[in-house]
PDB file of N, CA and C in Angstrom:
ATOM      1  N   MET A   1       1.176  -1.216   0.359  1.00  0.00           N
ATOM      2  CA  MET A   1       0.320  -0.608  -0.273  1.00  0.00           C
ATOM      3  C   MET A   1       0.834   1.115   0.024  1.00  0.00           C
ATOM      4  N   LYS A   2       0.235   2.444  -1.028  1.00  0.00           N
ATOM      5  CA  LYS A   2       1.698   3.188  -1.035  1.00  0.00           C
ATOM      6  C   LYS A   2       0.909   4.343   0.044  1.00  0.00           C
ATOM      7  N   LYS A   3       2.021   5.124   0.326  1.00  0.00           N
ATOM      8  CA  LYS A   3       1.676   6.196   1.960  1.00  0.00           C
ATOM      9  C   LYS A   3       0.991   7.213   0.869  1.00  0.00           C
ATOM     10  N   VAL A   4       0.579   7.808   2.194  1.00  0.00           N
ATOM     11  CA  VAL A   4      -1.042   8.554   2.403  1.00  0.00           C
ATOM     12  C   VAL A   4       0.164   9.906   3.065  1.00  0.00           C
ATOM     13  N   TYR A   5      -0.491  10.693   2.112  1.00  0.00           N
ATOM     14  CA  TYR A   5       0.412  12.622   2.804  1.00  0.00           C
ATOM     15  C   TYR A   5      -0.491  13.094   2.684  1.00  0.00           C
ATOM     16  N   PHE A   6      -0.742  13.942   4.158  1.00  0.00           N
ATOM     17  CA  PHE A   6      -1.369  15.458   4.371  1.00  0.00           C
ATOM     18  C   PHE A   6      -0.457  16.585   4.847  1.00  0.00           C
ATOM     19  N   THR A   7      -1.213  17.892   4.429  1.00  0.00           N
ATOM     20  CA  THR A   7      -0.584  18.821   5.117  1.00  0.00           C
ATOM     21  C   THR A   7      -1.418  19.679   6.055  1.00  0.00           C
ATOM     22  N   ILE A   8      -1.133  20.001   7.121  1.00  0.00           N
ATOM     23  CA  ILE A   8      -1.309  20.623   8.629  1.00  0.00           C
ATOM     24  C   ILE A   8      -0.809  22.371   7.503  1.00  0.00           C
ATOM     25  N   VAL A   9      -2.384  22.717   8.151  1.00  0.00           N
ATOM     26  CA  VAL A   9      -2.229  24.741   7.779  1.00  0.00           C
ATOM     27  C   VAL A   9      -2.741  24.832   8.866  1.00  0.00           C
ATOM     28  N   GLY A  10      -2.772  26.375   8.682  1.00  0.00           N
ATOM     29  CA  GLY A  10      -3.770  27.059   9.961  1.00  0.00           C
ATOM     30  C   GLY A  10      -2.807  27.061  11.355  1.00  0.00           C
ATOM     31  N   MET A  11      -1.163  26.818  11.463  1.00  0.00           N
ATOM     32  CA  MET A  11      -0.736  27.059  12.434  1.00  0.00           C
ATOM     33  C   MET A  11      -0.430  28.616  12.944  1.00  0.00           C
ATOM     34  N   GLN A  12      -0.467  29.615  11.897  1.00  0.00           N
ATOM     35  CA  GLN A  12      -0.473  30.562  12.460  1.00  0.00           C
ATOM     36  C   GLN A  12      -1.679  31.358  13.344  1.00  0.00           C
ATOM     37  N   PHE A  13      -2.897  30.626  13.434  1.00  0.00           N
ATOM     38  CA  PHE A  13      -4.071  30.664  14.272  1.00  0.00           C
ATOM     39  C   PHE A  13      -3.505  30.179  15.960  1.00  0.00           C
ATOM     40  N   ASN A  14      -3.024  29.328  16.030  1.00  0.00           N
ATOM     41  CA  ASN A  14      -2.482  28.655  16.903  1.00  0.00           C
ATOM     42  C   ASN A  14      -1.180  28.969  17.940  1.00  0.00           C
ATOM     43  N   HIS A  15      -0.404  28.214  17.639  1.00  0.00           N
ATOM     44  CA  HIS A  15       1.007  28.478  17.942  1.00  0.00           C
ATOM     45  C   HIS A  15       2.539  28.132  17.045  1.00  0.00           C
ATOM     46  N   GLY A  16       1.536  28.393  15.631  1.00  0.00           N
ATOM     47  CA  GLY A  16       3.204  28.769  15.235  1.00  0.00           C
ATOM     48  C   GLY A  16       3.354  27.525  14.514  1.00  0.00           C
ATOM     49  N   ASP A  17       5.144  27.582  13.756  1.00  0.00           N
ATOM     50  CA  ASP A  17       5.035  26.430  13.153  1.00  0.00           C
ATOM     51  C   ASP A  17       7.098  25.807  13.721  1.00  0.00           C
ATOM     52  N   TRP A  18       6.753  27.102  14.543  1.00  0.00           N
ATOM     53  CA  TRP A  18       8.524  26.482  15.276  1.00  0.00           C
ATOM     54  C   TRP A  18       9.043  25.629  15.572  1.00  0.00           C
ATOM     55  N   PHE A  19       7.594  24.443  16.350  1.00  0.00           N
ATOM     56  CA  PHE A  19       8.654  23.661  17.531  1.00  0.00           C
ATOM     57  C   PHE A  19       7.919  22.379  15.797  1.00  0.00           C
ATOM     58  N   PHE A  20       7.603  22.268  15.416  1.00  0.00           N
ATOM     59  CA  PHE A  20       7.660  20.827  14.311  1.00  0.00           C
ATOM     60  C   PHE A  20       9.161  20.570  14.367  1.00  0.00           C
ATOM     61  N   GLU A  21       9.053  19.510  14.102  1.00  0.00           N
ATOM     62  CA  GLU A  21       9.820  18.253  14.127  1.00  0.00           C
ATOM     63  C   GLU A  21       9.955  17.295  12.772  1.00  0.00           C
ATOM     64  N   GLU A  22      11.116  16.983  11.827  1.00  0.00           N
ATOM     65  CA  GLU A  22      10.859  15.694  11.458  1.00  0.00           C
ATOM     66  C   GLU A  22      10.876  13.556  11.610  1.00  0.00           C
ATOM     67  N   GLY A  23       9.966  13.688  11.859  1.00  0.00           N
ATOM     68  CA  GLY A  23       9.674  12.478  12.505  1.00  0.00           C
ATOM     69  C   GLY A  23       8.810  12.888  13.534  1.00  0.00           C
ATOM     70  N   MET A  24       8.459  14.191  14.249  1.00  0.00           N
ATOM     71  CA  MET A  24       7.365  13.869  15.240  1.00  0.00           C
ATOM     72  C   MET A  24       5.721  13.730  14.438  1.00  0.00           C
ATOM     73  N   LYS A  25       4.881  13.177  16.014  1.00  0.00           N
ATOM     74  CA  LYS A  25       3.777  12.530  15.685  1.00  0.00           C
ATOM     75  C   LYS A  25       3.040  13.915  16.021  1.00  0.00           C
ATOM     76  N   VAL A  26       1.914  13.425  15.319  1.00  0.00           N
ATOM     77  CA  VAL A  26       0.550  14.268  15.603  1.00  0.00           C
ATOM     78  C   VAL A  26      -0.436  13.417  15.101  1.00  0.00           C
ATOM     79  N   LYS A  27      -1.835  13.997  15.719  1.00  0.00           N
ATOM     80  CA  LYS A  27      -2.827  13.435  16.281  1.00  0.00           C
ATOM     81  C   LYS A  27      -4.142  13.837  15.286  1.00  0.00           C
ATOM     82  N   LEU A  28      -4.772  12.950  14.493  1.00  0.00           N
ATOM     83  CA  LEU A  28      -6.233  13.878  13.685  1.00  0.00           C
ATOM     84  C   LEU A  28      -7.360  13.579  14.344  1.00  0.00           C
ATOM     85  N   ILE A  29      -7.892  14.800  14.610  1.00  0.00           N
ATOM     86  CA  ILE A  29      -9.429  14.085  14.747  1.00  0.00           C
ATOM     87  C   ILE A  29     -10.397  14.793  13.967  1.00  0.00           C
ATOM     88  N   LYS A  30     -11.262  13.921  13.968  1.00  0.00           N
ATOM     89  CA  LYS A  30     -12.360  14.439  12.675  1.00  0.00           C
ATOM     90  C   LYS A  30     -12.784  15.810  13.864  1.00  0.00           C
ATOM     91  N   GLU A  31     -14.091  17.166  12.798  1.00  0.00           N
ATOM     92  CA  GLU A  31     -14.615  17.715  13.622  1.00  0.00           C
ATOM     93  C   GLU A  31     -16.095  18.001  12.984  1.00  0.00           C
ATOM     94  N   PRO A  32     -16.571  16.705  12.865  1.00  0.00           N
ATOM     95  CA  PRO A  32     -18.227  16.955  11.834  1.00  0.00           C
ATOM     96  C   PRO A  32     -18.883  18.457  12.518  1.00  0.00           C
ATOM     97  N   ASP A  33     -18.726  18.587  13.366  1.00  0.00           N
ATOM     98  CA  ASP A  33     -19.697  19.533  13.749  1.00  0.00           C
ATOM     99  C   ASP A  33     -19.070  20.855  13.019  1.00  0.00           C
ATOM    100  N   ASN A  34     -17.810  21.148  12.582  1.00  0.00           N
ATOM    101  CA  ASN A  34     -17.096  22.387  12.347  1.00  0.00           C
ATOM    102  C   ASN A  34     -18.445  23.117  12.212  1.00  0.00           C
ATOM    103  N   LYS A  35     -18.505  24.685  12.668  1.00  0.00           N
ATOM    104  CA  LYS A  35     -19.126  25.626  11.730  1.00  0.00           C
ATOM    105  C   LYS A  35     -18.672  26.377   9.935  1.00  0.00           C
ATOM    106  N   TYR A  36     -17.252  25.775   9.761  1.00  0.00           N
ATOM    107  CA  TYR A  36     -16.919  26.187   8.608  1.00  0.00           C
ATOM    108  C   TYR A  36     -16.383  25.056   7.318  1.00  0.00           C
ATOM    109  N   ASP A  37     -16.001  23.696   8.157  1.00  0.00           N
ATOM    110  CA  ASP A  37     -16.209  22.676   6.863  1.00  0.00           C
ATOM    111  C   ASP A  37     -16.789  21.404   7.686  1.00  0.00           C
ATOM    112  N   SER A  38     -17.339  21.334   6.842  1.00  0.00           N
ATOM    113  CA  SER A  38     -17.923  20.040   7.822  1.00  0.00           C
ATOM    114  C   SER A  38     -16.924  18.208   7.622  1.00  0.00           C
ATOM    115  N   GLU A  39     -16.005  18.908   7.077  1.00  0.00           N
ATOM    116  CA  GLU A  39     -14.854  17.838   6.700  1.00  0.00           C
ATOM    117  C   GLU A  39     -14.179  18.515   7.293  1.00  0.00           C
ATOM    118  N   ALA A  40     -13.586  18.933   8.121  1.00  0.00           N
ATOM    119  CA  ALA A  40     -12.491  19.250   9.071  1.00  0.00           C
ATOM    120  C   ALA A  40     -11.638  18.489   9.870  1.00  0.00           C
ATOM    121  N   ILE A  41     -10.757  18.433   9.705  1.00  0.00           N
ATOM    122  CA  ILE A  41      -9.476  17.637  10.344  1.00  0.00           C
ATOM    123  C   ILE A  41      -8.603  17.884  11.267  1.00  0.00           C
ATOM    124  N   ARG A  42      -8.798  18.441  12.718  1.00  0.00           N
ATOM    125  CA  ARG A  42      -8.164  19.307  13.568  1.00  0.00           C
ATOM    126  C   ARG A  42      -6.390  18.391  14.207  1.00  0.00           C
ATOM    127  N   VAL A  43      -5.851  18.723  14.135  1.00  0.00           N
ATOM    128  CA  VAL A  43      -4.011  18.147  14.507  1.00  0.00           C
ATOM    129  C   VAL A  43      -4.014  18.868  15.534  1.00  0.00           C
ATOM    130  N   GLU A  44      -3.598  17.946  15.941  1.00  0.00           N
ATOM    131  CA  GLU A  44      -2.298  17.947  17.708  1.00  0.00           C
ATOM    132  C   GLU A  44      -1.549  17.849  18.105  1.00  0.00           C
ATOM    133  N   VAL A  45      -0.657  18.213  19.064  1.00  0.00           N
ATOM    134  CA  VAL A  45       0.742  17.863  19.088  1.00  0.00           C
ATOM    135  C   VAL A  45       0.440  17.666  20.667  1.00  0.00           C
ATOM    136  N   LYS A  46       0.884  16.288  21.428  1.00  0.00           N
ATOM    137  CA  LYS A  46       1.056  15.966  22.727  1.00  0.00           C
ATOM    138  C   LYS A  46       1.211  17.615  23.815  1.00  0.00           C
ATOM    139  N   GLY A  47       1.419  17.651  24.473  1.00  0.00           N
ATOM    140  CA  GLY A  47       1.384  19.041  25.145  1.00  0.00           C
ATOM    141  C   GLY A  47       0.731  20.295  24.908  1.00  0.00           C
ATOM    142  N   LEU A  48       0.193  20.172  23.584  1.00  0.00           N
ATOM    143  CA  LEU A  48       0.100  21.517  22.790  1.00  0.00           C
ATOM    144  C   LEU A  48      -1.114  21.500  22.194  1.00  0.00           C
ATOM    145  N   GLY A  49      -2.118  20.610  22.770  1.00  0.00           N
ATOM    146  CA  GLY A  49      -3.311  20.869  22.307  1.00  0.00           C
ATOM    147  C   GLY A  49      -3.552  21.182  20.343  1.00  0.00           C
ATOM    148  N   LYS A  50      -4.407  21.606  19.755  1.00  0.00           N
ATOM    149  CA  LYS A  50      -4.407  22.016  18.727  1.00  0.00           C
ATOM    150  C   LYS A  50      -3.342  22.527  17.757  1.00  0.00           C
ATOM    151  N   VAL A  51      -2.810  22.231  17.017  1.00  0.00           N
ATOM    152  CA  VAL A  51      -1.788  23.258  16.061  1.00  0.00           C
ATOM    153  C   VAL A  51      -2.084  23.693  15.327  1.00  0.00           C
ATOM    154  N   GLY A  52      -3.136  23.300  14.371  1.00  0.00           N
ATOM    155  CA  GLY A  52      -3.768  23.478  13.402  1.00  0.00           C
ATOM    156  C   GLY A  52      -4.924  22.404  12.583  1.00  0.00           C
ATOM    157  N   TYR A  53      -5.183  22.734  10.775  1.00  0.00           N
ATOM    158  CA  TYR A  53      -5.652  21.683  10.094  1.00  0.00           C
ATOM    159  C   TYR A  53      -5.350  20.724   9.233  1.00  0.00           C
ATOM    160  N   VAL A  54      -6.136  19.895   8.784  1.00  0.00           N
ATOM    161  CA  VAL A  54      -5.998  18.862   7.577  1.00  0.00           C
ATOM    162  C   VAL A  54      -5.772  19.669   6.074  1.00  0.00           C
ATOM    163  N   ALA A  55      -5.173  20.312   5.618  1.00  0.00           N
ATOM    164  CA  ALA A  55      -5.455  21.317   4.466  1.00  0.00           C
ATOM    165  C   ALA A  55      -6.543  20.937   3.702  1.00  0.00           C
ATOM    166  N   ASN A  56      -7.226  21.901   3.093  1.00  0.00           N
ATOM    167  CA  ASN A  56      -8.372  21.169   2.352  1.00  0.00           C
ATOM    168  C   ASN A  56      -9.104  22.068   1.515  1.00  0.00           C
ATOM    169  N   SER A  57      -7.992  22.803   0.977  1.00  0.00           N
ATOM    170  CA  SER A  57      -8.368  23.941  -0.165  1.00  0.00           C
ATOM    171  C   SER A  57      -7.255  23.528  -1.318  1.00  0.00           C
ATOM    172  N   PRO A  58      -7.353  23.307  -2.801  1.00  0.00           N
ATOM    173  CA  PRO A  58      -6.408  22.655  -3.867  1.00  0.00           C
ATOM    174  C   PRO A  58      -5.362  24.031  -3.141  1.00  0.00           C
ATOM    175  N   ARG A  59      -5.390  25.560  -2.942  1.00  0.00           N
ATOM    176  CA  ARG A  59      -4.421  26.372  -2.662  1.00  0.00           C
ATOM    177  C   ARG A  59      -3.695  26.068  -1.519  1.00  0.00           C
ATOM    178  N   THR A  60      -3.893  25.349  -0.303  1.00  0.00           N
ATOM    179  CA  THR A  60      -3.045  24.573   0.456  1.00  0.00           C
ATOM    180  C   THR A  60      -2.667  23.564   0.361  1.00  0.00           C
ATOM    181  N   VAL A  61      -3.241  22.820   0.311  1.00  0.00           N
ATOM    182  CA  VAL A  61      -2.513  21.137   0.021  1.00  0.00           C
ATOM    183  C   VAL A  61      -1.721  21.171  -0.887  1.00  0.00           C
ATOM    184  N   ALA A  62      -0.005  20.231  -0.260  1.00  0.00           N
ATOM    185  CA  ALA A  62       1.062  20.147  -0.941  1.00  0.00           C
ATOM    186  C   ALA A  62       1.255  19.267  -1.301  1.00  0.00           C
ATOM    187  N   GLY A  63       1.905  19.702  -2.258  1.00  0.00           N
ATOM    188  CA  GLY A  63       2.224  17.736  -3.524  1.00  0.00           C
ATOM    189  C   GLY A  63       0.832  16.876  -3.687  1.00  0.00           C
ATOM    190  N   ASP A  64       1.238  16.006  -2.851  1.00  0.00           N
ATOM    191  CA  ASP A  64       0.751  14.621  -3.422  1.00  0.00           C
ATOM    192  C   ASP A  64      -0.247  14.572  -2.108  1.00  0.00           C
ATOM    193  N   SER A  65      -0.086  15.099  -1.545  1.00  0.00           N
ATOM    194  CA  SER A  65      -1.132  15.275   0.133  1.00  0.00           C
ATOM    195  C   SER A  65      -2.982  15.044  -0.824  1.00  0.00           C
ATOM    196  N   MET A  66      -3.809  14.209   0.413  1.00  0.00           N
ATOM    197  CA  MET A  66      -4.698  14.470   0.715  1.00  0.00           C
ATOM    198  C   MET A  66      -5.221  15.514   1.084  1.00  0.00           C
ATOM    199  N   SER A  67      -6.276  16.596   0.489  1.00  0.00           N
ATOM    200  CA  SER A  67      -7.106  17.029   1.438  1.00  0.00           C
ATOM    201  C   SER A  67      -7.999  16.650   2.285  1.00  0.00           C
ATOM    202  N   ALA A  68      -8.442  17.055   3.440  1.00  0.00           N
ATOM    203  CA  ALA A  68      -9.357  16.072   4.488  1.00  0.00           C
ATOM    204  C   ALA A  68     -10.598  15.904   3.530  1.00  0.00           C
ATOM    205  N   GLY A  69     -11.252  16.165   2.747  1.00  0.00           N
ATOM    206  CA  GLY A  69     -12.470  15.811   1.758  1.00  0.00           C
ATOM    207  C   GLY A  69     -12.240  14.455   1.671  1.00  0.00           C
ATOM    208  N   ARG A  70     -10.891  14.392   1.334  1.00  0.00           N
ATOM    209  CA  ARG A  70     -10.697  13.082   0.578  1.00  0.00           C
ATOM    210  C   ARG A  70      -9.821  11.594   1.516  1.00  0.00           C
ATOM    211  N   LEU A  71      -9.457  13.107   2.961  1.00  0.00           N
ATOM    212  CA  LEU A  71      -8.921  11.798   3.306  1.00  0.00           C
ATOM    213  C   LEU A  71      -9.927  11.512   4.978  1.00  0.00           C
ATOM    214  N   TYR A  72     -10.723  12.345   4.884  1.00  0.00           N
ATOM    215  CA  TYR A  72     -12.237  11.942   6.156  1.00  0.00           C
ATOM    216  C   TYR A  72     -12.707  10.403   6.012  1.00  0.00           C
ATOM    217  N   ASP A  73     -13.536  10.494   4.763  1.00  0.00           N
ATOM    218  CA  ASP A  73     -13.926   8.976   4.803  1.00  0.00           C
ATOM    219  C   ASP A  73     -12.926   8.141   4.621  1.00  0.00           C
ATOM    220  N   LYS A  74     -11.793   7.844   4.349  1.00  0.00           N
ATOM    221  CA  LYS A  74     -10.674   6.809   4.548  1.00  0.00           C
ATOM    222  C   LYS A  74     -10.171   6.557   6.707  1.00  0.00           C
ATOM    223  N   ILE A  75     -10.277   7.215   6.908  1.00  0.00           N
ATOM    224  CA  ILE A  75      -9.962   7.258   8.207  1.00  0.00           C
ATOM    225  C   ILE A  75     -11.515   6.934   9.706  1.00  0.00           C
ATOM    226  N   GLY A  76     -10.903   6.775  10.714  1.00  0.00           N
ATOM    227  CA  GLY A  76     -11.748   7.058  11.796  1.00  0.00           C
ATOM    228  C   GLY A  76     -12.161   7.695  12.726  1.00  0.00           C
ATOM    229  N   ASP A  77     -12.589   8.208  13.554  1.00  0.00           N
ATOM    230  CA  ASP A  77     -13.062   9.799  14.038  1.00  0.00           C
ATOM    231  C   ASP A  77     -11.618  10.430  14.538  1.00  0.00           C
ATOM    232  N   LYS A  78     -10.358   9.527  14.940  1.00  0.00           N
ATOM    233  CA  LYS A  78      -8.808  10.355  15.235  1.00  0.00           C
ATOM    234  C   LYS A  78      -8.260   8.835  14.674  1.00  0.00           C
ATOM    235  N   ALA A  79      -7.161   9.270  14.445  1.00  0.00           N
ATOM    236  CA  ALA A  79      -5.938   8.647  13.611  1.00  0.00           C
ATOM    237  C   ALA A  79      -4.629   9.484  13.893  1.00  0.00           C
ATOM    238  N   LYS A  80      -2.933   8.914  13.642  1.00  0.00           N
ATOM    239  CA  LYS A  80      -1.913   9.716  13.822  1.00  0.00           C
ATOM    240  C   LYS A  80      -1.672   9.756  12.452  1.00  0.00           C
ATOM    241  N   GLY A  81      -0.420  10.691  12.253  1.00  0.00           N
ATOM    242  CA  GLY A  81       0.568  10.742  11.161  1.00  0.00           C
ATOM    243  C   GLY A  81       1.764  11.269  12.697  1.00  0.00           C
ATOM    244  N   LYS A  82       3.266  11.187  11.245  1.00  0.00           N
ATOM    245  CA  LYS A  82       4.355  11.650  10.841  1.00  0.00           C
ATOM    246  C   LYS A  82       4.710  12.363   9.990  1.00  0.00           C
ATOM    247  N   VAL A  83       5.082  13.536  10.861  1.00  0.00           N
ATOM    248  CA  VAL A  83       5.722  14.995   9.899  1.00  0.00           C
ATOM    249  C   VAL A  83       7.155  14.637   9.199  1.00  0.00           C
ATOM    250  N   LEU A  84       6.878  14.704   8.057  1.00  0.00           N
ATOM    251  CA  LEU A  84       8.166  14.320   6.956  1.00  0.00           C
ATOM    252  C   LEU A  84       8.674  15.971   6.842  1.00  0.00           C
ATOM    253  N   HIS A  85       8.327  16.710   6.497  1.00  0.00           N
ATOM    254  CA  HIS A  85       8.495  18.068   6.640  1.00  0.00           C
ATOM    255  C   HIS A  85       8.053  19.636   6.391  1.00  0.00           C
ATOM    256  N   ILE A  86       8.881  20.269   7.065  1.00  0.00           N
ATOM    257  CA  ILE A  86       8.736  21.972   7.248  1.00  0.00           C
ATOM    258  C   ILE A  86       8.680  22.481   6.284  1.00  0.00           C
ATOM    259  N   LEU A  87       7.420  23.188   5.733  1.00  0.00           N
ATOM    260  CA  LEU A  87       7.958  23.892   4.656  1.00  0.00           C
ATOM    261  C   LEU A  87       7.056  25.345   4.691  1.00  0.00           C
ATOM    262  N   GLY A  88       7.095  26.126   3.484  1.00  0.00           N
ATOM    263  CA  GLY A  88       6.943  27.568   4.367  1.00  0.00           C
ATOM    264  C   GLY A  88       5.634  27.945   4.516  1.00  0.00           C
ATOM    265  N   ASN A  89       5.185  26.931   3.805  1.00  0.00           N
ATOM    266  CA  ASN A  89       3.428  27.293   4.039  1.00  0.00           C
ATOM    267  C   ASN A  89       2.295  26.096   4.714  1.00  0.00           C
ATOM    268  N   GLY A  90       2.956  25.314   5.087  1.00  0.00           N
ATOM    269  CA  GLY A  90       2.575  24.026   5.650  1.00  0.00           C
ATOM    270  C   GLY A  90       2.899  23.219   6.492  1.00  0.00           C
ATOM    271  N   VAL A  91       2.706  22.121   6.797  1.00  0.00           N
ATOM    272  CA  VAL A  91       3.967  20.970   7.450  1.00  0.00           C
ATOM    273  C   VAL A  91       3.233  19.789   6.455  1.00  0.00           C
ATOM    274  N   LEU A  92       4.651  19.061   6.211  1.00  0.00           N
ATOM    275  CA  LEU A  92       4.104  18.115   5.311  1.00  0.00           C
ATOM    276  C   LEU A  92       4.030  17.067   6.230  1.00  0.00           C
ATOM    277  N   CYS A  93       2.934  15.883   6.253  1.00  0.00           N
ATOM    278  CA  CYS A  93       2.860  14.311   7.156  1.00  0.00           C
ATOM    279  C   CYS A  93       2.373  13.708   6.558  1.00  0.00           C
ATOM    280  N   THR A  94       3.202  12.366   6.756  1.00  0.00           N
ATOM    281  CA  THR A  94       1.790  10.809   6.067  1.00  0.00           C
ATOM    282  C   THR A  94       1.115  10.658   6.860  1.00  0.00           C
ATOM    283  N   LEU A  95       0.524   9.814   6.925  1.00  0.00           N
ATOM    284  CA  LEU A  95      -0.707   8.996   7.788  1.00  0.00           C
ATOM    285  C   LEU A  95      -0.093   7.677   8.309  1.00  0.00           C
ATOM    286  N   ASP A  96       0.053   7.365   9.708  1.00  0.00           N
ATOM    287  CA  ASP A  96       0.343   5.826  10.007  1.00  0.00           C
ATOM    288  C   ASP A  96      -1.059   4.777   9.083  1.00  0.00           C
ATOM    289  N   LYS A  97      -0.272   4.302   8.506  1.00  0.00           N
ATOM    290  CA  LYS A  97      -1.333   2.801   7.869  1.00  0.00           C
ATOM    291  C   LYS A  97      -1.904   2.067   8.868  1.00  0.00           C
ATOM    292  N   LYS A  98      -1.703   2.195  10.066  1.00  0.00           N
ATOM    293  CA  LYS A  98      -2.866   1.302  10.923  1.00  0.00           C
ATOM    294  C   LYS A  98      -4.097   2.264  10.623  1.00  0.00           C
ATOM    295  N   TYR A  99      -4.110   3.288  10.398  1.00  0.00           N
ATOM    296  CA  TYR A  99      -5.249   4.255  10.553  1.00  0.00           C
ATOM    297  C   TYR A  99      -6.009   4.546   9.067  1.00  0.00           C
ATOM    298  N   LEU A 100      -5.178   3.838   8.685  1.00  0.00           N
ATOM    299  CA  LEU A 100      -6.382   4.352   7.041  1.00  0.00           C
ATOM    300  C   LEU A 100      -7.089   2.939   6.956  1.00  0.00           C
ATOM    301  N   ASN A 101      -8.285   3.378   6.269  1.00  0.00           N
ATOM    302  CA  ASN A 101      -9.963   2.841   6.299  1.00  0.00           C
ATOM    303  C   ASN A 101     -10.468   2.416   7.535  1.00  0.00           C
ATOM    304  N   ALA A 102      -9.559   2.827   8.919  1.00  0.00           N
ATOM    305  CA  ALA A 102     -10.361   2.684  10.149  1.00  0.00           C
ATOM    306  C   ALA A 102     -11.573   2.781  10.271  1.00  0.00           C
ATOM    307  N   SER A 103     -12.132   3.893   9.539  1.00  0.00           N
ATOM    308  CA  SER A 103     -13.804   4.279   9.808  1.00  0.00           C
ATOM    309  C   SER A 103     -14.288   2.694   9.624  1.00  0.00           C
ATOM    310  N   LYS A 104     -14.436   2.074   8.784  1.00  0.00           N
ATOM    311  CA  LYS A 104     -15.226   0.523   8.782  1.00  0.00           C
ATOM    312  C   LYS A 104     -15.230   0.038   9.785  1.00  0.00           C
ATOM    313  N   HIS A 105     -13.869   0.035  11.144  1.00  0.00           N
ATOM    314  CA  HIS A 105     -14.140  -1.162  11.812  1.00  0.00           C
ATOM    315  C   HIS A 105     -14.133   0.004  13.790  1.00  0.00           C
ATOM    316  N   THR A 106     -15.012   1.462  12.887  1.00  0.00           N
ATOM    317  CA  THR A 106     -14.946   2.917  14.532  1.00  0.00           C
ATOM    318  C   THR A 106     -16.764   2.319  14.222  1.00  0.00           C
ATOM    319  N   LYS A 107     -16.540   2.987  15.946  1.00  0.00           N
ATOM    320  CA  LYS A 107     -18.093   3.298  16.310  1.00  0.00           C
ATOM    321  C   LYS A 107     -18.230   4.441  15.807  1.00  0.00           C
ATOM    322  N   LYS A 108     -19.153   5.359  16.050  1.00  0.00           N
ATOM    323  CA  LYS A 108     -19.471   7.114  15.816  1.00  0.00           C
ATOM    324  C   LYS A 108     -19.697   6.723  16.966  1.00  0.00           C
ATOM    325  N   SER A 109     -19.157   8.214  17.446  1.00  0.00           N
ATOM    326  CA  SER A 109     -19.425   8.351  19.027  1.00  0.00           C
ATOM    327  C   SER A 109     -20.176   9.674  19.068  1.00  0.00           C
ATOM    328  N   LYS A 110     -20.827   8.792  20.841  1.00  0.00           N
ATOM    329  CA  LYS A 110     -22.232  10.111  20.988  1.00  0.00           C
ATOM    330  C   LYS A 110     -21.848  11.725  21.894  1.00  0.00           C
ATOM    331  N   HIS A 111     -21.048  12.000  21.205  1.00  0.00           N
ATOM    332  CA  HIS A 111     -20.440  12.902  22.129  1.00  0.00           C
ATOM    333  C   HIS A 111     -20.557  14.506  20.873  1.00  0.00           C
TER     334      HIS A 111
END
């Protein structure tokens, strides 16, 4: 199975991007009640909380990354990934393969 890439954006609205390092783990959490984007996927880092979102616009998705809309139905409510490169306009990451297609195996949360 080939790697799945995604781009983190919106860091300037949270903590910035100064702390990102290659190899760092990130957590993806779906936000189905997000009033701006029903396919929003929040990105968190342990100890900091929310650091940005998975890019969901052709203007912000880097290279071969999947947009949040394309990734949304391929993961469960939560997933994990790893930072590959820090770019000038986002952070390129790869999805941990064990979370791919996990949506078929997870129950919907009642929260």
